[in-house]
Amino acid sequence: MADSIINSDDPSKSDILLIGANFDRTSSFGKGSDKGPKAIIECLHTQIEFYERFSGTSPVEKKKIAYLDLGEMNELTPEKMVETLKEALRQHANSLPIIIGGEHSITNGPLQYFKDDASNVTIVQIDAHCDLREDDSDYNDTPWGKLAHCSVMKRGFDLGFNIVQVGIRAYSANEKEFFSHERVKVFEWREKEHEISSILSAIKTEKVYLTIDADGIDPAYMPATGTPVQGGLSWYYALDLINALCKSKTIIGADLVEVAPRPNDTLTEYGAAQIIYTIIGALASICKKR
C-alpha cells in the first residue's frame, strides 16, 4: 500500500501527472493562488482517503501518480510561463496531465500544447467568469495583455477549440456576444442548476479538456479564491458533473486553478484536493482510454 496518493517519484513513468504551476501575476482582485499547489498537494499527501467513494475504487492502487513542481514562477512573464508549461507537457507526453494552479492564465499552457487538435477538442470550463476578454486593458492600468487570466478562453477560442462554459454568472457586455456563437455554449447559473444531461449534450466532440476555476463552485464550499461570486455550483452537483463527463467523454487533460489559501481555513484546498482525486478516480475506473 502506498503511503500517499502521490505514489510515484518518477514523473516520466507516471500514468497521471500532477503539475504544480505556481503563478499569480495577472490576477485582478485577490492574490495568492501561486500558493495553491503546495496547499493542495499537502492535502493529497495527508488528508484524502485512498478509497474514492464515487468510483468505488482505490485509484492509488491502480495508477502511478506523480507530482512535478515547476517551482516559483512569479518572476516569469506570462509568455515564459506558458512556454514552461508546454515544455513540461512535451517532456511527459505519455502521462495524463492534471495541472494545479495558480491563476487561470496557466491554462494557456495546455491549450497551446493541444492546439494542433483543437477542432476535435471541447474545453469544458467550470467558472464564475467567461474569461473571453481580448485582454485585461478594460480594467487594468498596466495590462498584461492577451495572456491575462481573464482572456484564457478567448485564446482557446482563437486557437479553434469548442467551448462549453458551466456556472457563468459574471461577464462583460462584449463577452455576452459570444453566447450565440456556434463554438461556444454558455450555461449561465441562476436559481436552478441545469440538467447535467443538457451539458453533456452540448459537448460535440469525443475529446475534452476540463478546466475548473475554484470560483465556479459556490463559495459556501470553496471560499478561498481571488474572485468569489455567490451562487455557484453546489458541491455534489460539481462532483456528479465531473463523473458524468468522464463516463461519456475522453479526458485528455485537466486543471484546477485559482485556489488562494488563507490563514486558519483549509476548506478550499481540501475541496480542491478532493475534486482532483475524484477526477483521478474517474480516470482510473470509468473514463474511456485516451
Foldseek 3Di string as FASTA:
>chain_A
DAQFLQRDADLQPWQEEEEEQLEDDQDDFDDAFSCLVVLLVVCRNPPDDQQQVVLRHRLSVQTNYHYHYPPHCHVDQLVVSLVSLLVVCVSNVNYQYEYEDDAQLSVSNVLVNCLVCQQQEEEEEQAQEPLCDCWDVVPDVDTSGRSHRSRSVVVSVVSNHQYEYAQHDDYDPVSVVCCPPLSYPYDYFDDDHDDLVVSVVSDPHQEYEYEYELLQEACVQAVQFRDHDHRHHYLVRVLVSLLVNQQRHAYRHYYYTGRRDDPPDSRNSNSVSSSVVSNSSSVRRRHDYD
